[in-house]
Amino acid sequence: MKVLGLISGTSHDGIDAAVVDFDLRGEVLHGHVTAVASTPYDPALRGRIRAALPPAATTLAEVCALDTLIGQAFADAAAEVTAAAPPVDAVCSHGQTVYHWVDGTRALGTLQIGQPAWIAERLGVPVVADVRIRDIAAGGQGAPLVAHLDTLLLAGLPGRPAALNLGGIANVTVPTHPAGSASSAGSPTPGQAPGGPLAWDTGPANALLDAAVLRTGAHPAGYDVDGALAARGRVDEELLAGLLAEPYYRLPPPKTTGKELFHDGYLDAALARHARPVEPPDLIATLTALTARTVADAVRGAGVDALVVSGGGAANPTLLGMLAAELPGVRIVPSAELGAPGDAKEAIAFALIGWQTLHGLPGTLPGCTGASGPRVLGTITPGAGPLVLPPPPPAPPSALRLTVAEGVA
């Protein structure tokens, strides 16, 4: 089954796409990545999304308009990536998160918009969407959903590897952890089997960095290209200590966060508490150090000896250098070495979720999200013809092996 995965992450800068041709052989799922793409949002649409996100107020009329405009943008991106290739069998669209409702340590709701009917109408195939809420209804955090891909992809690898995604928010997946271990992020959730998988959001990656670049005008691209700004700056240890006092970092996993907490206003408040002005390069260096420190603190107690890194932050050598300094003896490995191009890994993860859902298989791990049990995720919008689903396999996959087609970066 060939599935197209689509996602726009917490940086809300565009739509990442990946087409994966899945073939289950025994208990090993083989995925051949045949196409990847990244389509930037139209600047006007991105501006409207940013203006509607917390802590700003918005209206139901604007939410409705954005649901349509984002859905149409996703349909355009889907049509573009599939135009020069054989048709796909299905799509899994994450859409755009505009709010993740968390009260303390519990997720109460979540909202991803980008109406999937536009994609189904454009491509004529079934679309799996709205994939997070079922996990939340079962008592989970609804995130990080990429953990399912991580555990299958890392299965069977030597040592004790973990996966790290550096998007707007950083999240880690630790497929196994020493019994009784606890990182500075907290102990495993009650009921978590010793040695079982754990996953959680460690804190901001690009969310505060991008906010700092935008508010200071330090780079016209709106982000720290190649980590050059941070490399020129000096870490303000006093400001860093104030940022590290954030209570979120001491909550136990599984836990999730987003721009509802780590947004422009959060950065403004932190700077207002600081005793003196901070030059833009120093601010960006300090926020880069914040990401490196919080990720390192989160995985240090798990006995990790390798960190498989993906996401936009994986292209930031200054961040990776700080992270390596925080974790001596831990190998930093790009996810592309396992067949998952760093910029496309999340899109591949949602292609996998689509495959799981269409085969009637759960797409979550309770130890990673905190749910009461595994759940089949999402809703299905039918395509042009009758909705015909494949039968569930005799056993769910226990490992995933990815390959990438020639010419796909």
Protein backbone atom coordinates (compact mmCIF):
# COMPACT_ATOMS: atom_id res chain seq x y z
CA MET A 1 0.00 0.00 0.00
CA LYS A 2 1.36 3.39 -1.01
CA VAL A 3 0.52 6.12 1.52
CA LEU A 4 1.20 9.85 1.35
CA GLY A 5 1.95 11.45 4.73
CA LEU A 6 1.40 15.18 5.16
CA ILE A 7 2.19 17.45 8.10
CA SER A 8 2.78 21.06 9.02
CA GLY A 9 4.58 21.25 12.33
CA THR A 10 4.73 23.74 15.17
CA SER A 11 6.95 26.06 13.11
CA HIS A 12 3.90 26.49 10.78
CA ASP A 13 6.16 27.38 7.88
CA GLY A 14 4.89 24.90 5.30
CA ILE A 15 3.79 21.37 4.48
CA ASP A 16 6.13 18.38 4.53
CA ALA A 17 5.16 15.38 2.41
CA ALA A 18 6.44 11.82 2.01
CA VAL A 19 5.17 8.96 -0.13
CA VAL A 20 5.95 5.54 1.36
CA ASP A 21 5.23 2.21 -0.30
CA PHE A 22 4.63 -0.25 2.57
CA ASP A 23 4.99 -4.02 2.35
CA LEU A 24 4.54 -6.25 5.41
CA ARG A 25 6.73 -9.36 5.33
CA GLY A 26 6.10 -11.47 8.40
CA GLU A 27 6.41 -9.09 11.33
CA VAL A 28 8.78 -6.66 9.59
CA LEU A 29 7.20 -3.76 7.75
CA HIS A 30 9.28 -2.55 4.81
CA GLY A 31 8.76 1.02 3.64
CA HIS A 32 10.21 2.37 0.40
CA VAL A 33 10.26 6.18 0.41
CA THR A 34 9.53 7.13 -3.20
CA ALA A 35 9.09 10.90 -2.87
CA VAL A 36 9.56 13.68 -0.35
CA ALA A 37 8.73 17.37 -0.67
CA SER A 38 8.36 20.53 1.36
CA THR A 39 5.92 23.21 0.22
CA PRO A 40 6.12 26.60 1.95
CA TYR A 41 2.87 28.23 2.99
CA ASP A 42 1.90 31.28 1.02
CA PRO A 43 3.24 34.20 3.12
CA ALA A 44 -0.24 35.67 3.52
CA LEU A 45 -1.63 32.36 4.80
CA ARG A 46 1.30 31.87 7.16
CA GLY A 47 0.70 35.37 8.48
CA ARG A 48 -2.96 34.55 9.16
CA ILE A 49 -2.00 31.33 10.94
CA ARG A 50 0.53 33.13 13.15
CA ALA A 51 -1.99 35.85 13.94
CA ALA A 52 -4.56 33.27 15.08
CA LEU A 53 -2.26 31.21 17.30
CA PRO A 54 -2.11 31.54 21.12
CA PRO A 55 -1.83 33.78 22.98
CA ALA A 56 -3.70 35.84 20.36
CA ALA A 57 -7.49 35.88 20.28
CA THR A 58 -9.33 34.77 17.16
CA THR A 59 -12.88 34.16 15.90
CA LEU A 60 -14.79 31.11 14.74
CA ALA A 61 -15.08 32.79 11.35
CA GLU A 62 -11.30 32.94 11.07
CA VAL A 63 -10.95 29.33 12.26
CA CYS A 64 -13.43 28.24 9.56
CA ALA A 65 -11.56 30.22 6.89
CA LEU A 66 -8.20 28.80 7.97
CA ASP A 67 -9.62 25.26 8.03
CA THR A 68 -10.56 25.69 4.38
CA LEU A 69 -7.43 27.54 3.25
CA ILE A 70 -5.08 25.10 4.99
CA GLY A 71 -7.05 22.15 3.62
CA GLN A 72 -6.73 23.57 0.11
CA ALA A 73 -3.00 24.18 0.64
CA PHE A 74 -2.58 20.56 1.75
CA ALA A 75 -4.53 19.40 -1.31
CA ASP A 76 -2.25 21.48 -3.56
CA ALA A 77 0.85 20.02 -1.88
CA ALA A 78 -0.54 16.48 -2.21
CA ALA A 79 -1.30 16.98 -5.90
CA GLU A 80 2.15 18.39 -6.55
CA VAL A 81 4.11 15.57 -4.88
CA THR A 82 2.05 12.87 -6.60
CA ALA A 83 1.85 14.50 -10.06
CA ALA A 84 4.89 12.79 -11.58
CA ALA A 85 4.49 9.40 -9.87
CA PRO A 86 2.06 6.48 -9.81
CA PRO A 87 -1.08 7.31 -7.80
CA VAL A 88 -1.11 6.72 -4.07
CA ASP A 89 -3.63 4.43 -2.36
CA ALA A 90 -4.33 6.71 0.58
CA VAL A 91 -3.28 9.87 2.42
CA CYS A 92 -2.73 10.57 6.10
CA SER A 93 -2.89 14.29 6.83
CA HIS A 94 -1.91 15.64 10.22
CA GLY A 95 -3.06 19.13 9.30
CA GLN A 96 -1.96 22.18 11.27
CA THR A 97 -2.11 22.24 15.06
CA VAL A 98 -3.63 25.51 16.21
CA TYR A 99 -4.29 24.59 19.84
CA HIS A 100 -3.27 21.81 22.23
CA TRP A 101 -5.31 22.12 25.42
CA VAL A 102 -3.25 21.03 28.43
CA ASP A 103 -4.22 21.56 32.05
CA GLY A 104 -1.14 20.97 34.18
CA THR A 105 0.00 17.47 33.25
CA ARG A 106 -3.17 16.35 31.47
CA ALA A 107 -4.16 16.96 27.85
CA LEU A 108 -7.87 17.78 27.61
CA GLY A 109 -8.21 18.40 23.88
CA THR A 110 -6.41 19.28 20.69
CA LEU A 111 -7.29 20.99 17.43
CA GLN A 112 -5.67 20.32 14.06
CA ILE A 113 -7.25 22.09 11.10
CA GLY A 114 -6.93 21.68 7.34
CA GLN A 115 -10.17 20.08 6.13
CA PRO A 116 -9.27 16.63 4.67
CA ALA A 117 -12.24 16.65 2.26
CA TRP A 118 -10.25 18.99 -0.01
CA ILE A 119 -7.48 16.36 -0.28
CA ALA A 120 -9.93 13.49 -0.84
CA GLU A 121 -11.72 15.46 -3.53
CA ARG A 122 -8.45 16.42 -5.25
CA LEU A 123 -6.77 12.98 -5.21
CA GLY A 124 -9.83 10.72 -5.11
CA VAL A 125 -8.38 8.44 -2.41
CA PRO A 126 -9.24 7.94 1.29
CA VAL A 127 -7.72 10.42 3.74
CA VAL A 128 -6.95 9.61 7.37
CA ALA A 129 -7.00 12.77 9.51
CA ASP A 130 -7.67 14.11 13.02
CA VAL A 131 -5.25 11.55 14.40
CA ARG A 132 -4.47 12.92 17.87
CA ILE A 133 -7.81 13.19 19.66
CA ARG A 134 -8.50 9.46 20.06
CA ASP A 135 -5.39 9.07 22.20
CA ILE A 136 -6.45 12.03 24.34
CA ALA A 137 -9.94 10.55 24.76
CA ALA A 138 -8.20 7.42 26.11
CA GLY A 139 -6.35 9.49 28.70
CA GLY A 140 -3.19 10.14 26.71
CA GLN A 141 -1.33 13.28 25.72
CA GLY A 142 -2.02 12.88 22.00
CA ALA A 143 1.72 13.23 21.48
CA PRO A 144 4.39 12.50 20.55
CA LEU A 145 2.85 10.29 17.87
CA VAL A 146 6.18 9.92 16.07
CA ALA A 147 7.16 7.54 18.87
CA HIS A 148 5.47 4.64 17.08
CA LEU A 149 7.73 5.13 14.06
CA ASP A 150 10.75 5.59 16.31
CA THR A 151 10.29 2.35 18.23
CA LEU A 152 9.78 0.32 15.05
CA LEU A 153 12.68 2.01 13.26
CA LEU A 154 15.11 1.54 16.17
CA ALA A 155 14.02 -2.05 16.86
CA GLY A 156 16.91 -4.48 16.68
CA LEU A 157 19.64 -1.83 16.60
CA PRO A 158 22.63 -2.49 18.86
CA GLY A 159 23.15 -0.65 22.12
CA ARG A 160 20.56 1.67 23.60
CA PRO A 161 19.56 4.16 20.90
CA ALA A 162 16.96 6.90 21.25
CA ALA A 163 15.32 9.22 18.73
CA LEU A 164 15.21 13.00 18.90
CA ASN A 165 13.09 15.25 16.72
CA LEU A 166 13.98 18.94 16.71
CA GLY A 167 10.95 20.74 15.30
CA GLY A 168 9.26 23.72 16.89
CA ILE A 169 9.13 21.53 19.99
CA ALA A 170 11.75 18.86 20.77
CA ASN A 171 10.60 15.35 21.53
CA VAL A 172 12.48 12.17 22.39
CA THR A 173 11.64 8.48 22.15
CA VAL A 174 13.52 6.01 24.33
CA PRO A 175 12.54 2.50 23.17
CA THR A 176 14.06 0.88 26.27
CA HIS A 177 15.23 2.36 29.54
CA PRO A 178 16.97 0.85 32.57
CA ALA A 179 14.47 -0.43 35.12
CA GLY A 180 13.96 2.13 37.85
CA SER A 181 15.84 4.85 35.98
CA ALA A 182 14.65 8.42 35.99
CA SER A 183 15.90 11.39 34.06
CA SER A 184 15.74 14.93 35.34
CA ALA A 185 12.48 15.15 33.42
CA GLY A 186 10.94 12.83 35.98
CA SER A 187 10.13 9.17 36.53
CA PRO A 188 8.17 6.96 34.14
CA THR A 189 4.43 7.25 34.28
CA PRO A 190 2.59 5.04 36.77
CA GLY A 191 1.96 1.64 35.24
CA GLN A 192 4.86 1.97 32.80
CA ALA A 193 6.50 -1.42 32.39
CA PRO A 194 10.19 -1.43 33.41
CA GLY A 195 12.29 -1.25 30.27
CA GLY A 196 9.31 -0.32 28.08
CA PRO A 197 9.28 2.59 25.65
CA LEU A 198 8.97 6.18 26.79
CA ALA A 199 8.42 9.34 24.74
CA TRP A 200 7.78 12.94 25.64
CA ASP A 201 8.23 16.56 24.61
CA THR A 202 11.37 17.88 26.25
CA GLY A 203 10.62 21.56 25.59
CA PRO A 204 11.23 24.13 22.86
CA ALA A 205 13.57 23.51 19.94
CA ASN A 206 12.92 26.02 17.16
CA ALA A 207 9.81 27.62 18.71
CA LEU A 208 11.63 30.18 20.89
CA LEU A 209 14.60 30.43 18.51
CA ASP A 210 12.36 31.45 15.62
CA ALA A 211 10.47 33.86 17.87
CA ALA A 212 13.77 35.50 18.86
CA VAL A 213 14.94 35.84 15.26
CA LEU A 214 11.60 37.32 14.19
CA ARG A 215 11.33 39.76 17.09
CA THR A 216 14.90 41.05 16.67
CA GLY A 217 15.00 40.95 12.86
CA ALA A 218 18.34 39.15 13.19
CA HIS A 219 17.88 37.31 9.89
CA PRO A 220 15.46 37.95 7.01
CA ALA A 221 14.73 34.22 6.70
CA GLY A 222 13.01 34.31 10.10
CA TYR A 223 15.20 31.59 11.61
CA ASP A 224 18.86 31.01 12.48
CA VAL A 225 20.19 29.67 9.17
CA ASP A 226 22.88 27.02 9.82
CA GLY A 227 23.09 28.17 13.45
CA ALA A 228 25.30 31.07 12.35
CA LEU A 229 23.73 33.63 14.69
CA ALA A 230 24.09 31.38 17.74
CA ALA A 231 27.68 30.62 16.76
CA ARG A 232 28.48 34.35 16.92
CA GLY A 233 26.80 34.85 20.27
CA ARG A 234 27.71 34.11 23.86
CA VAL A 235 25.44 32.18 26.22
CA ASP A 236 24.00 34.42 28.94
CA GLU A 237 24.20 32.03 31.89
CA GLU A 238 21.92 34.14 34.08
CA LEU A 239 19.19 34.23 31.45
CA LEU A 240 19.66 30.52 30.80
CA ALA A 241 19.23 29.75 34.50
CA GLY A 242 15.99 31.74 34.54
CA LEU A 243 14.67 29.87 31.51
CA LEU A 244 15.60 26.51 33.04
CA ALA A 245 13.43 27.33 36.06
CA GLU A 246 10.34 26.60 33.91
CA PRO A 247 8.23 24.04 35.86
CA TYR A 248 7.45 22.04 32.72
CA TYR A 249 10.95 20.57 32.66
CA ARG A 250 10.41 18.85 36.02
CA LEU A 251 7.09 17.20 35.14
CA PRO A 252 7.28 13.42 34.71
CA PRO A 253 6.89 11.85 31.28
CA PRO A 254 4.83 11.22 29.29
CA LYS A 255 4.09 14.91 28.82
CA THR A 256 3.49 17.24 25.93
CA THR A 257 3.73 20.95 25.26
CA GLY A 258 3.61 23.43 22.40
CA LYS A 259 3.35 27.08 21.46
CA GLU A 260 0.52 27.45 23.95
CA LEU A 261 3.39 27.73 26.45
CA PHE A 262 6.52 28.52 24.46
CA HIS A 263 5.50 31.54 22.38
CA ASP A 264 6.54 35.16 21.78
CA GLY A 265 4.90 36.34 24.99
CA TYR A 266 6.78 33.71 27.00
CA LEU A 267 10.05 35.05 25.61
CA ASP A 268 9.01 38.64 26.31
CA ALA A 269 8.24 37.75 29.94
CA ALA A 270 11.59 35.98 30.38
CA LEU A 271 13.47 38.97 29.01
CA ALA A 272 11.47 41.37 31.18
CA ARG A 273 12.60 39.42 34.27
CA HIS A 274 16.21 39.59 33.15
CA ALA A 275 18.34 42.34 34.67
CA ARG A 276 19.87 43.72 31.48
CA PRO A 277 19.36 43.86 27.71
CA VAL A 278 20.63 40.92 25.67
CA GLU A 279 22.11 41.36 22.20
CA PRO A 280 20.37 39.28 19.50
CA PRO A 281 23.25 36.83 18.88
CA ASP A 282 23.61 36.26 22.65
CA LEU A 283 19.85 35.70 23.01
CA ILE A 284 19.86 33.18 20.18
CA ALA A 285 22.94 31.42 21.57
CA THR A 286 21.23 31.20 24.97
CA LEU A 287 18.02 29.75 23.52
CA THR A 288 20.07 27.23 21.53
CA ALA A 289 21.81 26.23 24.76
CA LEU A 290 18.38 25.91 26.42
CA THR A 291 17.32 23.30 23.85
CA ALA A 292 20.60 21.40 24.16
CA ARG A 293 20.45 21.40 27.96
CA THR A 294 16.81 20.33 28.26
CA VAL A 295 17.23 17.52 25.70
CA ALA A 296 20.40 16.30 27.41
CA ASP A 297 18.78 16.42 30.86
CA ALA A 298 15.83 14.44 29.55
CA VAL A 299 17.81 11.54 28.09
CA ARG A 300 20.79 11.44 30.42
CA GLY A 301 19.16 9.07 32.92
CA ALA A 302 18.01 6.62 30.26
CA GLY A 303 21.43 5.16 29.52
CA VAL A 304 21.28 6.26 25.89
CA ASP A 305 24.42 5.65 23.82
CA ALA A 306 23.16 6.97 20.46
CA LEU A 307 20.73 9.72 19.51
CA VAL A 308 19.08 9.52 16.07
CA VAL A 309 18.28 13.13 15.18
CA SER A 310 15.72 14.56 12.74
CA GLY A 311 13.70 17.74 12.17
CA GLY A 312 14.67 21.25 11.18
CA GLY A 313 17.01 21.62 14.15
CA ALA A 314 19.10 18.72 12.86
CA ALA A 315 20.41 21.14 10.22
CA ASN A 316 21.72 23.49 12.94
CA PRO A 317 25.38 22.56 13.56
CA THR A 318 25.65 24.95 16.52
CA LEU A 319 22.76 23.21 18.28
CA LEU A 320 24.16 19.76 17.51
CA GLY A 321 27.58 20.86 18.76
CA MET A 322 26.11 22.08 22.05
CA LEU A 323 24.14 18.86 22.37
CA ALA A 324 27.26 16.74 21.78
CA ALA A 325 29.09 18.74 24.45
CA GLU A 326 26.25 18.07 26.91
CA LEU A 327 26.24 14.33 26.13
CA PRO A 328 29.86 13.14 25.85
CA GLY A 329 30.07 9.54 24.73
CA VAL A 330 26.67 9.63 23.01
CA ARG A 331 26.78 9.28 19.22
CA ILE A 332 24.70 11.82 17.30
CA VAL A 333 23.33 10.05 14.23
CA PRO A 334 21.21 11.66 11.46
CA SER A 335 17.95 9.79 10.88
CA ALA A 336 18.80 9.60 7.16
CA GLU A 337 21.22 6.80 8.04
CA LEU A 338 18.14 4.70 8.92
CA GLY A 339 16.32 5.61 5.71
CA ALA A 340 14.34 8.54 7.13
CA PRO A 341 15.47 11.89 5.64
CA GLY A 342 15.56 14.34 8.55
CA ASP A 343 13.21 16.91 7.06
CA ALA A 344 10.70 14.23 6.01
CA LYS A 345 10.72 11.94 9.05
CA GLU A 346 7.50 13.30 10.55
CA ALA A 347 5.73 13.01 7.20
CA ILE A 348 6.94 9.40 7.02
CA ALA A 349 5.59 8.87 10.56
CA PHE A 350 2.13 10.01 9.49
CA ALA A 351 2.25 7.84 6.38
CA LEU A 352 2.88 4.96 8.80
CA ILE A 353 -0.05 6.02 11.01
CA GLY A 354 -2.26 6.08 7.91
CA TRP A 355 -1.15 2.54 6.99
CA GLN A 356 -1.83 1.35 10.56
CA THR A 357 -5.28 2.93 10.68
CA LEU A 358 -6.36 1.57 7.31
CA HIS A 359 -5.29 -1.93 8.45
CA GLY A 360 -7.17 -1.60 11.73
CA LEU A 361 -3.99 -1.42 13.83
CA PRO A 362 -3.22 0.91 16.75
CA GLY A 363 -0.83 3.76 16.04
CA THR A 364 0.09 4.60 19.63
CA LEU A 365 2.10 3.17 22.49
CA PRO A 366 0.48 3.78 25.91
CA GLY A 367 3.84 4.18 27.63
CA CYS A 368 4.72 6.98 25.23
CA THR A 369 1.47 8.97 25.37
CA GLY A 370 0.05 7.93 28.76
CA ALA A 371 -3.19 6.54 27.32
CA SER A 372 -5.02 3.67 28.99
CA GLY A 373 -4.28 1.44 26.00
CA PRO A 374 -3.27 1.44 22.33
CA ARG A 375 -5.80 2.97 19.94
CA VAL A 376 -6.49 3.00 16.20
CA LEU A 377 -6.12 6.67 15.30
CA GLY A 378 -8.04 9.15 13.22
CA THR A 379 -11.10 9.47 11.06
CA ILE A 380 -11.34 8.41 7.41
CA THR A 381 -12.74 10.61 4.64
CA PRO A 382 -13.61 8.34 1.68
CA GLY A 383 -12.19 8.99 -1.77
CA ALA A 384 -13.99 8.95 -5.10
CA GLY A 385 -15.21 5.34 -4.93
CA PRO A 386 -16.48 2.92 -2.29
CA LEU A 387 -14.39 2.76 0.87
CA VAL A 388 -12.71 -0.66 0.89
CA LEU A 389 -10.29 -1.37 3.71
CA PRO A 390 -7.69 -4.16 3.74
CA PRO A 391 -8.01 -6.91 6.37
CA PRO A 392 -5.86 -6.58 9.49
CA PRO A 393 -2.64 -8.61 9.26
CA PRO A 394 -2.22 -11.70 11.46
CA ALA A 395 0.25 -9.80 13.65
CA PRO A 396 1.21 -6.13 13.85
CA PRO A 397 4.70 -5.19 12.65
CA SER A 398 7.45 -5.43 15.24
CA ALA A 399 10.05 -3.52 13.21
CA LEU A 400 10.25 -1.10 10.31
CA ARG A 401 12.99 -1.01 7.72
CA LEU A 402 13.07 2.02 5.43
CA THR A 403 14.78 2.44 2.08
CA VAL A 404 14.88 5.56 -0.06
CA ALA A 405 14.42 5.62 -3.82
CA GLU A 406 17.32 6.87 -5.90
CA GLY A 407 17.22 10.63 -6.30
CA VAL A 408 15.11 11.20 -3.18
CA ALA A 409 16.98 13.42 -0.72
